[in-house]
Structures are given as structure tokens and as C-alpha cells.
Amino acid sequence: MTDREERGAARREEPTRHDLRSSNRPDRPRSPEIDDDVTGQELDRSIRAQLRTLESKSAEWVAKHLVMAARLMDDEPELAFQHALAASRRGGRMAPVREAVGLTAYAAGHYGEALREFRTFRRISGSNMHLPVMADCERGLGRPERALEMARSEDAAELDAAGKVELAMVVSGARSDLGQAEAAVSALEIPQLDRNRAFSFSPRLFRAYADALEAAGRGTEAEDWRRQARVAENALGVGEFEEPEIIDVAGDDEPAKPSRRPRAEAAEPESGGDAADAFAVEPEDLAAADDAAVEELPDELAKADEVDVEPEDFAAAEEGVEPVDQAEPEDEEAERSESAKRSDG
């Protein structure tokens, strides 16, 4: 049997060929389990749109593993890295997937793989947004000089303010790695180091500057910048000044308070009774509720509202006309005689 035939036979005998959780490399374990509550819809809309280019089953698979990678990256970076690798087996040509692999590898301390993934991400997307992390990977690999070279590249000038701050902190760390304490301080003296303005990156920048000052033997200045970092956190509402998350721990058995007092309380149904009986209200209860809902007027107002009305007035009111006095028969005869005399005259 030739080598080609042996490789074909091995592939045919592979028991996990159609298992999505199987690895495409023998030195990697099967893909980690996905939490039951993960649907893949938790991803950003733009990332989901990119995943639509995949086959539907693969797109769902990749999306769920990306969600798990993001969920676990802070607390379990190694497991998050395994989830990102699982996503890359089905969506390895997509920029968000390679980005996730790079970020989780960096969090787990796999700086070589992280650097490779970030380079692939840059090649696919054309973005240099992860240049500071790539430079820090060079530091993690024991190559601070390469980190400094990366910071001097033309790509570094295209970073936004937050990216420039991150890169400055990496450069400061690289200078410290080389034993250049004063140069580490100077690397952080950038326009964004403004003690009178607070941005999202300010607390970390202020603390990094304080650490560099202390390493250079300037302890008094270092303490001053640490205080300024706390002021920035207070202004931004982050860190120890972040508002606590309030969670309602009341059980579902606690009855909800009504928004207003009900006019009548429905009697609770007896066991085995019809559910509709719970809403039945006796007429006497409604009358009592109406009486209770109306406040009694003072005696003076009650007397003022009392008006004597004759029965004839009620009859006329029902006909929509004003009541008139009924004439007596004698009065009618006298009126006719008077009319006849006027006509004779």
C-alpha cells in the first residue's frame, strides 16, 4: 500500500470525522462544551452578519464558541482560548474569529500564537487596532527591542487616542525591561497624560506613570499621580467608585402591591371550585364598596342640596317641558263669556 493509500485509509477510519467538536489536529482535544443558555445571538450584529457567509450549521457553531470565548476570557482565559480555537476550525478565514483567537491566546499567556493570530487578523481586515497588543506580545516573548521597533512604525501613527495610550504603556514597559527607568517615564509623557481631564484610559495611564516614577526613584510624584488616578476614577464612576449593581433577590412568592385600592376584594375560591368563581362579587358587596368609596358631605352642604320637588315636576321633566298650572273649570267659563262680549262690541 502506498503512502497516499495509507493516508486515505486513515481518514476513512477516523471516527470523529463528522463530529463538529473533533479537532483537525491530533495534538488538540475535542472542542469544549457550550453552555445551555448560549444561542449565538449574543454577538454583535456586525459579526453575525459576517458569519452569514458560512453554512448555517457552521455559523451557529462558530457564533456559540465566540460567545463562550468572550464570556470566559477574564476568569478562565485558557478555556476561552480553547473555545476560540474551536470557532477557528469552522470560521478560520473570518477576521472576528482570528481576532478572538488572538485575544484569548494573549490573555492565556500564549504570546507566540497570539502574535501570529493578530498578524492574520491584520492581513484579513487591514486594521492595525491591535498593534499595541502585538508589541506587548513581543515583550512577553522576551524581545523588548522588537516591541520598540513596532512602536516606531508608520502603523503606530494611525492609532486613535486610546490606541496611542496603550502603545505608550507598552513602550514604557519595554524600556523598563531594558533597565531604562527614566526613558520609561518619558515614554508616558504624551498629550493624553492630562491630569485635568479624565478619559476612559486615564486611570490606567496615571497609574502606569506613577509606577514608572516610583521605579525611577521619584516616590513623591508617584503618590501624587496615584491620587490623581483615584480622582479620575471618581469622575468617571469606575473602579471603587463604580455604582453597585442592584439585584432584586425577592422571591416570586412575594405578592405584588396593588397600584391603588381595589373597589371590591374578590373572595378566594375554595379548593376544587371553578376558577371563574374567584372573580364573583355579590351585589351587596358592590353596594358596600360604593358606599365606602364616597366620603360623606358635611351637614351644611347636605342641607343646601336638599330641594323640595313636587311629583308634577318629575312628570314634566320626563316630557322635556316646563310644568304648567292646570286651570279650574269655572275659570274657563268666565274667560269664554268675556271673549264673547268683546266680539259683540
Protein backbone atom coordinates (compact mmCIF):
# COMPACT_ATOMS: atom_id res chain seq x y z
CA MET A 1 0.00 0.00 0.00
CA THR A 2 1.39 3.38 -1.00
CA ASP A 3 1.67 6.35 1.35
CA ARG A 4 -1.27 8.06 -0.36
CA GLU A 5 -3.47 5.00 0.13
CA GLU A 6 -2.45 4.76 3.79
CA ARG A 7 -3.38 8.39 4.39
CA GLY A 8 -6.73 7.87 2.65
CA ALA A 9 -7.45 4.81 4.75
CA ALA A 10 -6.60 6.68 7.93
CA ARG A 11 -9.00 9.44 7.02
CA ARG A 12 -11.77 6.94 6.29
CA GLU A 13 -11.21 5.18 9.61
CA GLU A 14 -11.23 8.40 11.60
CA PRO A 15 -14.26 8.04 13.94
CA THR A 16 -14.76 11.75 14.60
CA ARG A 17 -14.63 12.95 11.01
CA HIS A 18 -18.21 14.27 11.04
CA ASP A 19 -18.17 15.37 14.67
CA LEU A 20 -18.13 19.18 14.85
CA ARG A 21 -16.34 19.03 18.19
CA SER A 22 -13.46 17.00 16.79
CA SER A 23 -10.15 18.74 16.29
CA ASN A 24 -8.42 18.98 12.97
CA ARG A 25 -5.10 18.32 14.71
CA PRO A 26 -4.27 15.18 16.70
CA ASP A 27 -2.44 17.18 19.37
CA ARG A 28 -5.58 19.15 20.31
CA PRO A 29 -8.52 17.84 22.34
CA ARG A 30 -12.14 17.94 21.34
CA SER A 31 -13.91 21.26 21.46
CA PRO A 32 -15.14 22.35 24.91
CA GLU A 33 -18.80 22.21 25.87
CA ILE A 34 -21.10 25.15 25.23
CA ASP A 35 -23.37 26.43 27.99
CA ASP A 36 -27.04 25.64 27.51
CA ASP A 37 -28.11 29.29 27.62
CA VAL A 38 -25.83 30.35 24.75
CA THR A 39 -27.62 30.89 21.43
CA GLY A 40 -25.06 32.83 19.40
CA GLN A 41 -27.39 35.80 19.13
CA GLU A 42 -25.41 37.50 21.88
CA LEU A 43 -22.77 38.52 19.34
CA ASP A 44 -22.64 41.97 17.86
CA ARG A 45 -24.85 42.41 14.82
CA SER A 46 -21.93 43.19 12.52
CA ILE A 47 -20.16 39.96 13.48
CA ARG A 48 -23.32 37.92 12.95
CA ALA A 49 -23.62 39.49 9.51
CA GLN A 50 -20.12 38.30 8.61
CA LEU A 51 -20.89 34.79 9.83
CA ARG A 52 -23.79 34.51 7.39
CA THR A 53 -21.27 33.69 4.68
CA LEU A 54 -20.78 30.32 6.39
CA GLU A 55 -23.05 27.33 6.13
CA SER A 56 -25.89 27.76 8.64
CA LYS A 57 -24.82 24.92 10.95
CA SER A 58 -21.21 26.09 10.96
CA ALA A 59 -22.26 29.72 11.50
CA GLU A 60 -24.25 28.77 14.59
CA TRP A 61 -21.37 26.65 15.86
CA VAL A 62 -18.82 29.44 15.40
CA ALA A 63 -21.11 32.05 16.96
CA LYS A 64 -21.70 29.99 20.10
CA HIS A 65 -17.99 29.35 20.62
CA LEU A 66 -17.22 33.05 20.17
CA VAL A 67 -19.78 33.88 22.84
CA MET A 68 -18.20 31.37 25.19
CA ALA A 69 -14.73 32.76 24.49
CA ALA A 70 -15.85 36.26 25.38
CA ARG A 71 -17.68 35.03 28.47
CA LEU A 72 -14.69 33.17 29.90
CA MET A 73 -11.75 35.33 28.83
CA ASP A 74 -11.39 37.25 32.11
CA ASP A 75 -11.92 34.39 34.56
CA GLU A 76 -10.81 31.29 32.59
CA PRO A 77 -8.59 32.51 29.76
CA GLU A 78 -7.28 29.04 28.85
CA LEU A 79 -10.77 27.64 28.41
CA ALA A 80 -11.73 30.76 26.48
CA PHE A 81 -8.76 30.12 24.20
CA GLN A 82 -9.99 26.59 23.53
CA HIS A 83 -13.42 27.94 22.58
CA ALA A 84 -11.83 30.42 20.20
CA LEU A 85 -9.77 27.62 18.63
CA ALA A 86 -12.95 25.62 18.17
CA ALA A 87 -14.54 28.57 16.37
CA SER A 88 -11.48 28.87 14.12
CA ARG A 89 -11.91 25.30 12.89
CA ARG A 90 -15.12 26.31 11.15
CA GLY A 91 -14.54 30.02 10.56
CA GLY A 92 -10.79 30.41 10.36
CA ARG A 93 -10.95 32.74 7.36
CA MET A 94 -13.03 35.33 9.15
CA ALA A 95 -11.43 38.35 10.85
CA PRO A 96 -13.57 38.29 14.03
CA VAL A 97 -12.66 34.65 14.61
CA ARG A 98 -8.92 35.23 14.23
CA GLU A 99 -9.24 38.27 16.47
CA ALA A 100 -10.92 36.17 19.16
CA VAL A 101 -8.17 33.55 18.96
CA GLY A 102 -5.52 36.26 19.30
CA LEU A 103 -7.15 37.98 22.27
CA THR A 104 -7.79 34.77 24.20
CA ALA A 105 -4.29 33.49 23.44
CA TYR A 106 -2.85 36.75 24.76
CA ALA A 107 -4.99 36.54 27.90
CA ALA A 108 -3.83 32.96 28.46
CA GLY A 109 -0.16 33.89 28.01
CA HIS A 110 0.33 32.17 24.66
CA TYR A 111 2.15 35.14 23.17
CA GLY A 112 3.53 33.34 20.12
CA GLU A 113 0.11 32.16 18.95
CA ALA A 114 -1.44 35.50 19.84
CA LEU A 115 1.11 37.37 17.72
CA ARG A 116 0.51 35.05 14.78
CA GLU A 117 -3.26 35.41 15.02
CA PHE A 118 -3.09 39.21 15.26
CA ARG A 119 -0.96 39.31 12.13
CA THR A 120 -3.53 37.17 10.34
CA PHE A 121 -6.30 39.43 11.57
CA ARG A 122 -4.45 42.48 10.24
CA ARG A 123 -3.93 40.82 6.89
CA ILE A 124 -7.64 39.91 6.57
CA SER A 125 -9.16 43.13 7.91
CA GLY A 126 -6.49 45.71 7.10
CA SER A 127 -6.79 47.10 10.63
CA ASN A 128 -3.87 47.95 12.93
CA MET A 129 -6.03 48.34 16.02
CA HIS A 130 -4.21 45.52 17.85
CA LEU A 131 -0.72 46.87 17.25
CA PRO A 132 -0.19 47.69 20.97
CA VAL A 133 -1.09 44.12 21.95
CA MET A 134 1.22 42.76 19.26
CA ALA A 135 4.06 44.87 20.68
CA ASP A 136 3.30 43.57 24.15
CA CYS A 137 3.43 40.02 22.80
CA GLU A 138 6.97 40.76 21.68
CA ARG A 139 7.73 41.83 25.24
CA GLY A 140 6.13 38.61 26.52
CA LEU A 141 8.41 36.63 24.22
CA GLY A 142 11.44 38.41 25.70
CA ARG A 143 12.02 40.71 22.75
CA PRO A 144 11.57 44.31 24.02
CA GLU A 145 13.68 45.69 21.17
CA ARG A 146 11.16 44.40 18.64
CA ALA A 147 8.37 45.99 20.65
CA LEU A 148 10.15 49.35 20.36
CA GLU A 149 10.61 48.87 16.64
CA MET A 150 6.91 48.18 16.25
CA ALA A 151 6.09 51.34 18.20
CA ARG A 152 8.19 53.39 15.79
CA SER A 153 6.48 52.02 12.68
CA GLU A 154 4.22 54.07 10.44
CA ASP A 155 1.25 51.99 11.52
CA ALA A 156 1.57 53.36 15.05
CA ALA A 157 0.81 56.88 13.84
CA GLU A 158 -2.60 55.74 12.60
CA LEU A 159 -3.83 54.64 16.04
CA ASP A 160 -6.58 56.55 17.81
CA ALA A 161 -6.06 58.22 21.19
CA ALA A 162 -6.82 55.10 23.21
CA GLY A 163 -4.52 53.02 21.00
CA LYS A 164 -1.69 55.52 21.39
CA VAL A 165 -2.07 55.37 25.16
CA GLU A 166 -1.91 51.57 25.12
CA LEU A 167 1.19 51.64 22.92
CA ALA A 168 2.87 54.21 25.18
CA MET A 169 2.38 51.93 28.16
CA VAL A 170 3.89 49.04 26.21
CA VAL A 171 6.89 51.17 25.24
CA SER A 172 7.32 52.22 28.86
CA GLY A 173 7.30 48.57 29.90
CA ALA A 174 9.84 47.71 27.20
CA ARG A 175 12.13 50.47 28.44
CA SER A 176 11.79 49.09 31.95
CA ASP A 177 12.67 45.63 30.64
CA LEU A 178 15.88 47.13 29.25
CA GLY A 179 16.65 48.83 32.58
CA GLN A 180 15.99 52.35 31.26
CA ALA A 181 13.94 53.83 34.10
CA GLU A 182 13.97 57.47 33.03
CA ALA A 183 13.17 56.52 29.45
CA ALA A 184 10.22 54.55 30.78
CA VAL A 185 8.92 57.74 32.44
CA SER A 186 9.45 59.80 29.30
CA ALA A 187 7.57 57.26 27.17
CA LEU A 188 4.39 58.04 29.11
CA GLU A 189 4.64 61.80 28.90
CA ILE A 190 2.28 62.06 25.95
CA PRO A 191 -0.51 64.59 25.26
CA GLN A 192 -3.09 62.21 26.75
CA LEU A 193 -1.34 62.45 30.15
CA ASP A 194 -3.52 65.37 31.28
CA ARG A 195 -4.24 65.46 35.00
CA ASN A 196 -7.05 67.95 34.47
CA ARG A 197 -9.07 65.77 32.10
CA ALA A 198 -10.40 62.24 32.58
CA PHE A 199 -10.94 59.76 29.77
CA SER A 200 -11.67 56.06 29.92
CA PHE A 201 -7.94 55.33 29.66
CA SER A 202 -6.84 57.99 32.17
CA PRO A 203 -6.84 55.91 35.41
CA ARG A 204 -4.62 53.21 33.87
CA LEU A 205 -2.32 55.77 32.28
CA PHE A 206 -1.96 57.71 35.53
CA ARG A 207 -1.12 54.53 37.47
CA ALA A 208 1.38 53.38 34.85
CA TYR A 209 3.04 56.80 35.07
CA ALA A 210 3.09 56.56 38.86
CA ASP A 211 4.74 53.12 38.70
CA ALA A 212 7.37 54.43 36.27
CA LEU A 213 8.06 57.41 38.54
CA GLU A 214 8.47 55.17 41.55
CA ALA A 215 10.85 52.86 39.65
CA ALA A 216 12.90 55.94 38.79
CA GLY A 217 13.12 56.91 42.48
CA ARG A 218 10.54 59.72 42.37
CA GLY A 219 8.19 58.44 45.04
CA THR A 220 6.56 61.75 45.98
CA GLU A 221 5.48 62.41 42.42
CA ALA A 222 4.32 58.82 42.10
CA GLU A 223 1.97 59.15 45.05
CA ASP A 224 0.58 62.36 43.65
CA TRP A 225 -0.33 60.64 40.37
CA ARG A 226 -1.89 57.70 42.20
CA ARG A 227 -4.17 60.16 43.97
CA GLN A 228 -4.96 61.69 40.61
CA ALA A 229 -5.89 58.25 39.28
CA ARG A 230 -8.44 57.90 42.08
CA VAL A 231 -9.82 61.34 41.24
CA ALA A 232 -10.21 60.26 37.61
CA GLU A 233 -12.00 57.06 38.67
CA ASN A 234 -14.33 59.10 40.84
CA ALA A 235 -15.11 61.42 37.94
CA LEU A 236 -15.71 58.50 35.57
CA GLY A 237 -17.62 56.40 38.08
CA VAL A 238 -15.37 53.36 37.65
CA GLY A 239 -13.16 51.24 39.88
CA GLU A 240 -14.02 51.59 43.54
CA PHE A 241 -16.40 54.42 42.65
CA GLU A 242 -18.45 52.32 40.26
CA GLU A 243 -22.14 52.15 41.08
CA PRO A 244 -23.02 48.76 42.55
CA GLU A 245 -25.30 46.50 40.58
CA ILE A 246 -28.58 46.13 42.42
CA ILE A 247 -30.24 42.74 42.08
CA ASP A 248 -33.75 42.04 43.27
CA VAL A 249 -33.48 38.94 45.45
CA ALA A 250 -37.14 38.89 46.48
CA GLY A 251 -38.81 35.60 45.73
CA ASP A 252 -41.62 35.17 43.29
CA ASP A 253 -43.91 34.16 46.15
CA GLU A 254 -43.99 37.70 47.47
CA PRO A 255 -47.31 39.27 46.36
CA ALA A 256 -47.10 42.43 44.34
CA LYS A 257 -48.54 45.55 45.94
CA PRO A 258 -51.56 46.94 44.07
CA SER A 259 -51.13 50.34 42.46
CA ARG A 260 -54.40 51.52 44.01
CA ARG A 261 -57.00 50.25 46.42
CA PRO A 262 -59.48 47.93 44.68
CA ARG A 263 -63.15 48.77 44.97
CA ALA A 264 -64.06 45.28 45.98
CA GLU A 265 -62.00 42.29 47.02
CA ALA A 266 -62.82 39.03 45.30
CA ALA A 267 -63.36 36.03 47.53
CA GLU A 268 -60.75 33.32 47.22
CA PRO A 269 -62.08 30.17 45.58
CA GLU A 270 -62.47 27.08 47.64
CA SER A 271 -60.43 24.08 46.74
CA GLY A 272 -61.91 22.28 43.80
CA GLY A 273 -64.12 25.22 42.81
CA ASP A 274 -64.38 26.83 39.40
CA ALA A 275 -61.64 29.36 38.65
CA ALA A 276 -64.26 31.85 37.44
CA ASP A 277 -65.79 31.87 40.92
CA ALA A 278 -62.71 33.70 42.19
CA PHE A 279 -63.90 36.85 40.43
CA ALA A 280 -67.57 36.62 41.52
CA VAL A 281 -68.76 39.53 43.66
CA GLU A 282 -72.11 39.71 45.42
CA PRO A 283 -74.34 42.78 44.70
CA GLU A 284 -74.31 43.64 48.39
CA ASP A 285 -70.51 43.79 48.29
CA LEU A 286 -70.59 46.20 45.37
CA ALA A 287 -73.09 48.44 47.14
CA ALA A 288 -70.96 48.41 50.27
CA ALA A 289 -67.87 49.18 48.24
CA ASP A 290 -69.61 52.13 46.56
CA ASP A 291 -70.72 53.46 49.92
CA ALA A 292 -67.21 53.14 51.27
CA ALA A 293 -65.73 54.88 48.25
CA VAL A 294 -67.78 58.05 48.72
CA GLU A 295 -66.96 60.45 51.51
CA GLU A 296 -69.85 61.90 53.50
CA LEU A 297 -70.55 65.58 52.98
CA PRO A 298 -70.80 67.98 55.91
CA ASP A 299 -74.29 68.66 57.25
CA GLU A 300 -74.40 72.23 55.89
CA LEU A 301 -73.65 71.09 52.34
CA ALA A 302 -76.11 68.23 52.61
CA LYS A 303 -78.91 70.60 53.68
CA ALA A 304 -78.13 73.02 50.90
CA ASP A 305 -78.54 70.21 48.39
CA GLU A 306 -81.97 69.26 49.67
CA VAL A 307 -84.66 70.64 47.30
CA ASP A 308 -88.40 70.10 47.54
CA VAL A 309 -89.72 68.81 44.24
CA GLU A 310 -93.41 68.08 43.52
CA PRO A 311 -94.45 64.92 41.68
CA GLU A 312 -95.78 67.02 38.79
CA ASP A 313 -92.29 68.42 38.25
CA PHE A 314 -90.92 64.91 37.76
CA ALA A 315 -93.58 64.15 35.13
CA ALA A 316 -92.91 67.34 33.23
CA ALA A 317 -89.17 66.78 33.37
CA GLU A 318 -89.58 63.38 31.80
CA GLU A 319 -91.54 65.02 28.89
CA GLY A 320 -88.82 67.64 28.41
CA VAL A 321 -91.14 70.68 29.05
CA GLU A 322 -91.62 73.01 31.95
CA PRO A 323 -94.64 72.29 34.24
CA VAL A 324 -97.78 74.49 33.86
CA ASP A 325 -100.65 75.10 36.32
CA GLN A 326 -103.88 73.33 35.41
CA ALA A 327 -106.85 75.84 35.07
CA GLU A 328 -110.09 75.28 37.06
CA PRO A 329 -113.38 74.69 35.09
CA GLU A 330 -115.05 77.87 36.48
CA ASP A 331 -112.18 80.00 35.29
CA GLU A 332 -112.55 78.59 31.76
CA GLU A 333 -116.30 79.55 31.58
CA ALA A 334 -115.65 83.14 32.70
CA GLU A 335 -112.91 83.50 30.13
CA ARG A 336 -115.28 82.39 27.28
CA SER A 337 -118.01 84.93 28.34
CA GLU A 338 -115.52 87.77 28.32
CA SER A 339 -114.38 86.83 24.85
CA ALA A 340 -118.00 86.84 23.51
CA LYS A 341 -118.69 90.33 24.89
CA ARG A 342 -115.58 91.71 23.14
CA SER A 343 -116.65 90.18 19.82
CA ASP A 344 -120.22 91.73 20.11
CA GLY A 345 -118.79 95.10 20.74
